[in-house]
Amino acid sequence: MAKSPEQEHPVKAFGYAAKDTSGYLAPFNFSRRATGEKDVTFKVLYCGICHSDLHSIRNEWGDAMYPQVPGHEIVGVVTEVGSKVTKFKVGDKVGVGTLVGSCGSCDSCKGDFENYCLKFIPTYNSIYHDGTMNYGGYSDMMVADEHFVVGIPDNLPLDAVAPLLCAGTTVYSPMKYYGLNKPGLHIAVVGLGGLGHIAVKFAKAMGMKVTVIDVDPAKKQEAVERLGADDFFLSQDQEQMEARIATLDGIIDAVPVVHALQPLLLLLKAHGKLVLVGIPDKPLELPAFPLLKGRKLVGGSLMGGLKEVQEMINFASKHNITADIELVKMDYVNTAMKRLEKADVRYRFVIDIGNSLKPTA
């Protein structure tokens, strides 16, 4: 007979979980494993709300398991470490992002890209090595193998650094891999949202010229005056698009809905690169001729490996880069999800777990 979530492990835990495809999040008592020899246990203080949390709790990707505690932008303070842990000690500030496990032996794992391991284990809505359910960061505590834990430098505020563990690495990784991180290059960020605003900050810190492309003219002042973008224009303005044909070395496309790629490809110089990091719910149409004409490339990128995540966090620390957030209490989470669905946030919600998650009797 299967054990209940409260009985699977010896350590009692509390969080908010979705019980069905409605995605409604409610108080949930469950359990975490005891700290193993290579484990880091930490008190969760903040957890970002990612758009993928919304997709997952509603089973919009068709793979949801319930009850589901979402959250993969998790930060807090270490309370216990295993006997063989070498990287962390009690009191350290740490974070866990999108992964808590992988096979450890494939080419991707050996190359520090656990995110592309065919057996990678997501932080929630997944089954761990021991056969039990993984629960995410909308909870009071977390236990993870030290390999999948990153250190948070003291100069970064924990609430505003939380979204970097997913959104930050999602844009940093392709910039590095595709060579779109060199001073003097001109790149565009399409979609000034949760991913896009961080991409602008990283690109400027790398010394690149940055253009923001969006559908909302109200974002121009934000992009240019506050985030430091060098240019802004509207994707639906044909005149503005034509004036910028063949001016870009690369594009980071963070748009999560179906949109035309051909106009973006025309903006690239020869040998330019269009990198998709958003996840539209339907296939995109990819025209061949613009690719052939300029030997252009369309690529994709998903999160980052653990070595790269730590590198990204250290880069953010050096350049004082954090996400722009709206801090909310745990009991506001369902309202936040409704607002997120309407893109009514500038630019990421973060839950104040430490001050607002209260166990039920």
Protein backbone atom coordinates (compact mmCIF):
# COMPACT_ATOMS: atom_id res chain seq x y z
CA MET A 1 0.00 0.00 0.00
CA ALA A 2 1.45 3.38 -1.02
CA LYS A 3 2.33 5.78 1.75
CA SER A 4 0.71 9.22 1.97
CA PRO A 5 2.84 12.32 1.20
CA GLU A 6 3.08 12.95 4.96
CA GLN A 7 4.43 9.45 5.63
CA GLU A 8 6.87 8.94 2.73
CA HIS A 9 9.77 10.54 4.60
CA PRO A 10 10.70 11.25 8.23
CA VAL A 11 10.84 15.06 8.10
CA LYS A 12 7.55 16.94 8.20
CA ALA A 13 7.14 19.73 5.65
CA PHE A 14 4.45 22.21 4.69
CA GLY A 15 3.63 24.06 1.52
CA TYR A 16 0.98 24.88 -1.05
CA ALA A 17 -0.04 22.28 -3.64
CA ALA A 18 -2.33 21.91 -6.61
CA LYS A 19 -4.57 18.85 -6.27
CA ASP A 20 -6.05 18.76 -9.79
CA THR A 21 -6.07 20.45 -13.20
CA SER A 22 -7.81 23.53 -11.84
CA GLY A 23 -4.34 24.52 -10.67
CA TYR A 24 -5.76 25.95 -7.46
CA LEU A 25 -3.06 25.99 -4.78
CA ALA A 26 -4.01 25.14 -1.19
CA PRO A 27 -2.20 24.32 2.08
CA PHE A 28 -0.53 20.91 1.95
CA ASN A 29 1.22 18.79 4.56
CA PHE A 30 3.88 16.42 3.23
CA SER A 31 7.37 15.20 4.12
CA ARG A 32 10.99 15.53 3.01
CA ARG A 33 13.75 12.96 3.23
CA ALA A 34 16.25 13.14 6.07
CA THR A 35 19.54 14.83 5.21
CA GLY A 36 21.70 12.28 3.40
CA GLU A 37 25.49 12.26 3.39
CA LYS A 38 25.64 14.43 0.27
CA ASP A 39 22.51 16.46 0.95
CA VAL A 40 21.99 20.09 1.85
CA THR A 41 18.88 20.97 3.83
CA PHE A 42 17.77 24.59 3.93
CA LYS A 43 14.97 26.78 5.18
CA VAL A 44 13.17 28.27 2.19
CA LEU A 45 12.87 32.05 2.45
CA TYR A 46 11.77 33.03 -1.06
CA CYS A 47 10.54 31.28 -4.18
CA GLY A 48 9.94 32.84 -7.57
CA ILE A 49 6.82 32.15 -9.62
CA CYS A 50 7.74 31.00 -13.13
CA HIS A 51 5.26 30.87 -15.99
CA SER A 52 6.07 27.17 -16.27
CA ASP A 53 4.61 26.72 -12.76
CA LEU A 54 1.28 27.88 -14.16
CA HIS A 55 1.50 25.49 -17.13
CA SER A 56 2.44 22.59 -14.89
CA ILE A 57 -0.18 22.92 -12.15
CA ARG A 58 -2.90 23.10 -14.82
CA ASN A 59 -1.49 20.11 -16.72
CA GLU A 60 -1.15 22.22 -19.87
CA TRP A 61 1.86 20.13 -20.89
CA GLY A 62 0.03 16.86 -20.25
CA ASP A 63 2.45 15.40 -17.69
CA ALA A 64 1.17 16.70 -14.35
CA MET A 65 1.25 14.54 -11.23
CA TYR A 66 -0.86 15.48 -8.22
CA PRO A 67 -0.64 16.65 -5.53
CA GLN A 68 1.96 19.04 -6.96
CA VAL A 69 4.02 21.59 -5.04
CA PRO A 70 5.50 23.89 -7.71
CA GLY A 71 8.49 26.23 -7.52
CA HIS A 72 11.99 26.00 -8.97
CA GLU A 73 13.44 29.40 -8.13
CA ILE A 74 14.17 28.59 -4.49
CA VAL A 75 16.49 30.43 -2.10
CA GLY A 76 17.12 30.17 1.60
CA VAL A 77 19.61 29.47 4.39
CA VAL A 78 21.29 26.13 5.11
CA THR A 79 20.15 24.41 8.31
CA GLU A 80 21.94 21.05 7.96
CA VAL A 81 24.52 19.39 5.71
CA GLY A 82 25.44 15.75 5.18
CA SER A 83 28.71 14.23 6.34
CA LYS A 84 30.23 14.25 2.84
CA VAL A 85 29.12 17.75 1.82
CA THR A 86 32.12 19.94 0.97
CA LYS A 87 30.71 23.06 -0.69
CA PHE A 88 28.31 24.35 1.96
CA LYS A 89 27.92 24.81 5.69
CA VAL A 90 25.12 25.73 8.07
CA GLY A 91 24.18 29.40 7.65
CA ASP A 92 25.16 29.69 3.99
CA LYS A 93 22.78 31.35 1.55
CA VAL A 94 21.88 28.91 -1.20
CA GLY A 95 19.50 28.26 -4.04
CA VAL A 96 18.00 25.41 -6.04
CA GLY A 97 16.82 25.93 -9.58
CA THR A 98 15.15 23.73 -12.15
CA LEU A 99 16.99 20.45 -11.50
CA VAL A 100 17.55 18.17 -8.52
CA GLY A 101 18.99 15.13 -10.27
CA SER A 102 20.46 13.56 -13.41
CA CYS A 103 22.15 10.31 -14.41
CA GLY A 104 25.64 11.69 -13.75
CA SER A 105 27.33 9.53 -16.37
CA CYS A 106 26.16 10.59 -19.85
CA ASP A 107 28.04 13.00 -22.11
CA SER A 108 25.79 15.88 -21.06
CA CYS A 109 26.38 15.27 -17.35
CA LYS A 110 30.13 14.81 -17.81
CA GLY A 111 30.18 18.04 -19.82
CA ASP A 112 28.46 20.04 -17.06
CA PHE A 113 25.16 20.24 -18.94
CA GLU A 114 22.93 18.17 -16.70
CA ASN A 115 19.97 20.11 -18.13
CA TYR A 116 20.33 18.09 -21.35
CA CYS A 117 20.65 14.70 -19.67
CA LEU A 118 17.89 12.44 -20.98
CA LYS A 119 17.27 11.35 -17.39
CA PHE A 120 17.40 14.74 -15.71
CA ILE A 121 15.06 15.13 -12.75
CA PRO A 122 13.05 18.38 -12.52
CA THR A 123 12.76 20.00 -9.11
CA TYR A 124 9.04 19.23 -8.89
CA ASN A 125 6.40 17.18 -10.71
CA SER A 126 8.91 14.38 -11.00
CA ILE A 127 10.09 11.20 -9.33
CA TYR A 128 13.41 11.13 -7.47
CA HIS A 129 16.00 8.33 -7.52
CA ASP A 130 14.33 6.70 -4.52
CA GLY A 131 10.97 6.46 -6.29
CA THR A 132 9.20 9.17 -4.31
CA MET A 133 7.62 12.39 -5.56
CA ASN A 134 9.67 15.60 -5.75
CA TYR A 135 8.03 18.70 -4.30
CA GLY A 136 9.11 22.23 -5.17
CA GLY A 137 9.80 25.50 -3.44
CA TYR A 138 6.34 26.71 -2.46
CA SER A 139 7.22 25.12 0.86
CA ASP A 140 8.98 25.77 4.14
CA MET A 141 12.08 23.63 3.57
CA MET A 142 14.11 21.92 0.87
CA VAL A 143 16.54 18.99 0.69
CA ALA A 144 18.82 18.55 -2.33
CA ASP A 145 22.06 16.87 -3.31
CA GLU A 146 24.83 19.44 -2.98
CA HIS A 147 25.68 19.09 -6.69
CA PHE A 148 22.33 20.69 -7.51
CA VAL A 149 22.67 23.53 -5.00
CA VAL A 150 24.30 26.88 -5.80
CA GLY A 151 25.78 29.42 -3.45
CA ILE A 152 24.32 32.93 -3.27
CA PRO A 153 26.85 35.75 -2.66
CA ASP A 154 26.08 38.07 0.25
CA ASN A 155 25.67 41.20 -1.89
CA LEU A 156 22.65 39.80 -3.74
CA PRO A 157 19.24 40.23 -2.06
CA LEU A 158 17.67 36.80 -1.76
CA ASP A 159 14.19 37.83 -2.90
CA ALA A 160 15.34 39.49 -6.14
CA VAL A 161 17.96 36.83 -6.94
CA ALA A 162 15.44 33.96 -6.80
CA PRO A 163 14.19 34.34 -10.42
CA LEU A 164 17.75 34.17 -11.73
CA LEU A 165 17.76 30.46 -10.87
CA CYS A 166 15.46 29.86 -13.84
CA ALA A 167 14.91 33.05 -15.85
CA GLY A 168 18.51 34.18 -15.37
CA THR A 169 20.16 30.99 -16.52
CA THR A 170 17.64 30.61 -19.35
CA VAL A 171 18.97 33.77 -21.02
CA TYR A 172 22.59 33.66 -19.81
CA SER A 173 23.25 30.15 -21.11
CA PRO A 174 22.40 30.82 -24.79
CA MET A 175 24.30 34.10 -24.79
CA LYS A 176 27.41 32.24 -23.74
CA TYR A 177 26.92 29.11 -25.87
CA TYR A 178 26.08 30.92 -29.10
CA GLY A 179 28.80 33.55 -28.65
CA LEU A 180 26.34 36.37 -28.09
CA ASN A 181 28.28 37.68 -25.10
CA LYS A 182 31.09 39.66 -26.69
CA PRO A 183 31.57 43.40 -26.21
CA GLY A 184 30.57 45.38 -29.27
CA LEU A 185 28.04 42.91 -30.66
CA HIS A 186 24.53 44.16 -31.36
CA ILE A 187 21.76 41.87 -30.13
CA ALA A 188 18.02 42.21 -29.76
CA VAL A 189 15.80 40.91 -27.00
CA VAL A 190 12.30 40.08 -28.21
CA GLY A 191 9.67 40.32 -25.50
CA LEU A 192 10.36 42.54 -22.48
CA GLY A 193 9.03 40.30 -19.74
CA GLY A 194 10.33 38.00 -17.03
CA LEU A 195 13.08 36.57 -19.25
CA GLY A 196 13.60 39.57 -21.47
CA HIS A 197 14.31 42.19 -18.81
CA ILE A 198 17.06 40.01 -17.33
CA ALA A 199 18.48 39.38 -20.79
CA VAL A 200 18.79 43.14 -21.30
CA LYS A 201 20.64 43.53 -18.01
CA PHE A 202 23.08 40.70 -18.78
CA ALA A 203 23.71 41.89 -22.33
CA LYS A 204 24.50 45.44 -21.21
CA ALA A 205 26.83 44.12 -18.49
CA MET A 206 28.62 42.10 -21.20
CA GLY A 207 29.27 45.30 -23.14
CA MET A 208 26.88 44.74 -26.02
CA LYS A 209 24.55 47.09 -27.84
CA VAL A 210 20.99 46.05 -27.02
CA THR A 211 17.73 46.60 -28.86
CA VAL A 212 14.38 45.65 -27.34
CA ILE A 213 11.56 44.50 -29.65
CA ASP A 214 8.05 44.31 -28.20
CA VAL A 215 4.38 44.79 -29.06
CA ASP A 216 3.69 47.28 -26.27
CA PRO A 217 4.75 50.90 -26.92
CA ALA A 218 4.39 51.65 -23.21
CA LYS A 219 7.52 49.56 -22.55
CA LYS A 220 9.83 51.90 -24.48
CA GLN A 221 10.56 54.22 -21.57
CA GLU A 222 11.16 51.28 -19.24
CA ALA A 223 13.51 49.58 -21.71
CA VAL A 224 15.59 52.59 -22.62
CA GLU A 225 15.60 54.83 -19.56
CA ARG A 226 15.64 52.30 -16.75
CA LEU A 227 17.08 49.08 -18.18
CA GLY A 228 19.58 50.87 -20.42
CA ALA A 229 18.59 49.47 -23.82
CA ASP A 230 20.11 51.36 -26.75
CA ASP A 231 17.05 51.08 -28.97
CA PHE A 232 13.41 50.03 -28.85
CA PHE A 233 10.87 49.39 -31.59
CA LEU A 234 7.59 47.64 -32.20
CA SER A 235 7.49 44.30 -33.97
CA GLN A 236 4.22 45.15 -35.71
CA ASP A 237 5.59 48.43 -37.14
CA GLN A 238 6.73 47.46 -40.64
CA GLU A 239 8.55 50.73 -41.25
CA GLN A 240 10.58 50.37 -38.07
CA MET A 241 11.37 46.74 -38.88
CA GLU A 242 12.50 47.52 -42.43
CA ALA A 243 14.78 50.31 -41.20
CA ARG A 244 16.69 47.77 -39.14
CA ILE A 245 17.10 44.94 -41.65
CA ALA A 246 20.51 43.23 -41.41
CA THR A 247 21.64 45.20 -38.34
CA LEU A 248 21.76 42.52 -35.63
CA ASP A 249 24.38 39.93 -34.72
CA GLY A 250 21.92 37.93 -32.66
CA ILE A 251 18.44 37.77 -31.21
CA ILE A 252 17.24 36.31 -27.91
CA ASP A 253 13.58 35.47 -28.55
CA ALA A 254 11.71 35.20 -25.24
CA VAL A 255 8.18 35.28 -26.64
CA PRO A 256 6.07 32.41 -25.20
CA VAL A 257 3.26 32.55 -27.81
CA VAL A 258 3.07 31.78 -31.52
CA HIS A 259 4.68 34.52 -33.63
CA ALA A 260 6.32 34.99 -37.02
CA LEU A 261 10.03 34.21 -37.29
CA GLN A 262 10.67 35.53 -40.80
CA PRO A 263 10.59 39.24 -39.83
CA LEU A 264 13.12 38.52 -37.08
CA LEU A 265 15.41 36.57 -39.42
CA LEU A 266 15.48 39.55 -41.77
CA LEU A 267 16.88 41.70 -38.96
CA LEU A 268 19.98 39.49 -38.66
CA LYS A 269 23.23 40.16 -40.43
CA ALA A 270 24.80 37.32 -42.42
CA HIS A 271 25.85 34.56 -39.98
CA GLY A 272 23.45 35.96 -37.39
CA LYS A 273 21.77 33.77 -34.76
CA LEU A 274 18.16 33.67 -33.61
CA VAL A 275 17.87 31.80 -30.31
CA LEU A 276 14.50 30.70 -28.96
CA VAL A 277 14.09 30.60 -25.18
CA GLY A 278 10.32 31.09 -24.94
CA ILE A 279 8.04 28.05 -25.24
CA PRO A 280 5.01 28.70 -27.49
CA ASP A 281 2.19 26.20 -27.07
CA LYS A 282 2.03 25.53 -30.83
CA PRO A 283 4.71 24.93 -33.51
CA LEU A 284 6.32 27.93 -35.19
CA GLU A 285 6.71 28.25 -38.96
CA LEU A 286 10.36 28.35 -40.04
CA PRO A 287 11.01 29.75 -43.54
CA ALA A 288 14.11 28.32 -45.24
CA PHE A 289 15.13 31.08 -47.64
CA PRO A 290 16.11 33.73 -45.04
CA LEU A 291 18.32 31.12 -43.39
CA LEU A 292 20.03 30.09 -46.62
CA LYS A 293 20.51 33.62 -47.91
CA GLY A 294 22.61 34.73 -44.99
CA ARG A 295 23.83 31.44 -43.52
CA LYS A 296 21.79 32.28 -40.48
CA LEU A 297 21.05 29.99 -37.58
CA VAL A 298 17.95 29.29 -35.52
CA GLY A 299 18.73 27.59 -32.24
CA GLY A 300 17.23 26.92 -28.87
CA SER A 301 18.34 26.73 -25.27
CA LEU A 302 16.86 25.28 -22.09
CA MET A 303 17.99 26.44 -18.65
CA GLY A 304 21.66 25.77 -17.84
CA GLY A 305 23.91 23.17 -16.25
CA LEU A 306 24.84 23.55 -12.59
CA LYS A 307 28.35 24.87 -13.27
CA GLU A 308 26.85 27.48 -15.57
CA VAL A 309 24.14 28.43 -13.08
CA GLN A 310 26.79 29.18 -10.45
CA GLU A 311 28.81 31.11 -13.03
CA MET A 312 25.70 33.14 -13.88
CA ILE A 313 25.01 33.89 -10.22
CA ASN A 314 28.62 35.02 -9.74
CA PHE A 315 28.37 37.24 -12.84
CA ALA A 316 25.16 38.75 -11.45
CA SER A 317 26.93 39.37 -8.15
CA LYS A 318 29.85 41.12 -9.87
CA HIS A 319 27.52 43.40 -11.84
CA ASN A 320 24.77 43.77 -9.20
CA ILE A 321 22.13 42.21 -11.46
CA THR A 322 18.84 41.04 -9.98
CA ALA A 323 15.33 40.52 -11.27
CA ASP A 324 12.67 43.20 -11.01
CA ILE A 325 10.12 41.64 -8.69
CA GLU A 326 6.80 42.05 -6.95
CA LEU A 327 7.00 40.38 -3.55
CA VAL A 328 3.78 38.64 -2.50
CA LYS A 329 2.56 36.63 0.46
CA MET A 330 1.82 32.92 0.22
CA ASP A 331 -1.94 33.38 0.51
CA TYR A 332 -1.85 35.68 -2.55
CA VAL A 333 -0.42 32.97 -4.81
CA ASN A 334 -3.66 32.10 -6.65
CA THR A 335 -4.28 35.76 -7.43
CA ALA A 336 -0.69 36.06 -8.60
CA MET A 337 -1.24 33.14 -10.97
CA LYS A 338 -4.29 34.84 -12.49
CA ARG A 339 -2.32 38.05 -12.94
CA LEU A 340 0.63 36.15 -14.42
CA GLU A 341 -1.69 34.63 -17.01
CA LYS A 342 -2.55 38.18 -18.09
CA ALA A 343 1.13 39.30 -17.99
CA ASP A 344 0.15 41.70 -15.22
CA VAL A 345 3.50 41.85 -13.44
CA ARG A 346 6.73 43.83 -13.89
CA TYR A 347 8.44 41.43 -14.17
CA ARG A 348 8.46 38.45 -11.79
CA PHE A 349 6.40 37.48 -8.76
CA VAL A 350 8.37 36.18 -5.78
CA ILE A 351 6.69 34.57 -2.77
CA ASP A 352 7.89 35.68 0.67
CA ILE A 353 7.88 32.14 2.02
CA GLY A 354 9.77 32.83 5.23
CA ASN A 355 7.39 35.53 6.46
CA SER A 356 4.05 34.33 5.15
CA LEU A 357 3.89 30.53 4.92
CA LYS A 358 2.14 29.42 8.10
CA PRO A 359 1.48 25.72 8.79
CA THR A 360 -2.11 24.72 9.40
CA ALA A 361 -3.12 22.93 12.57
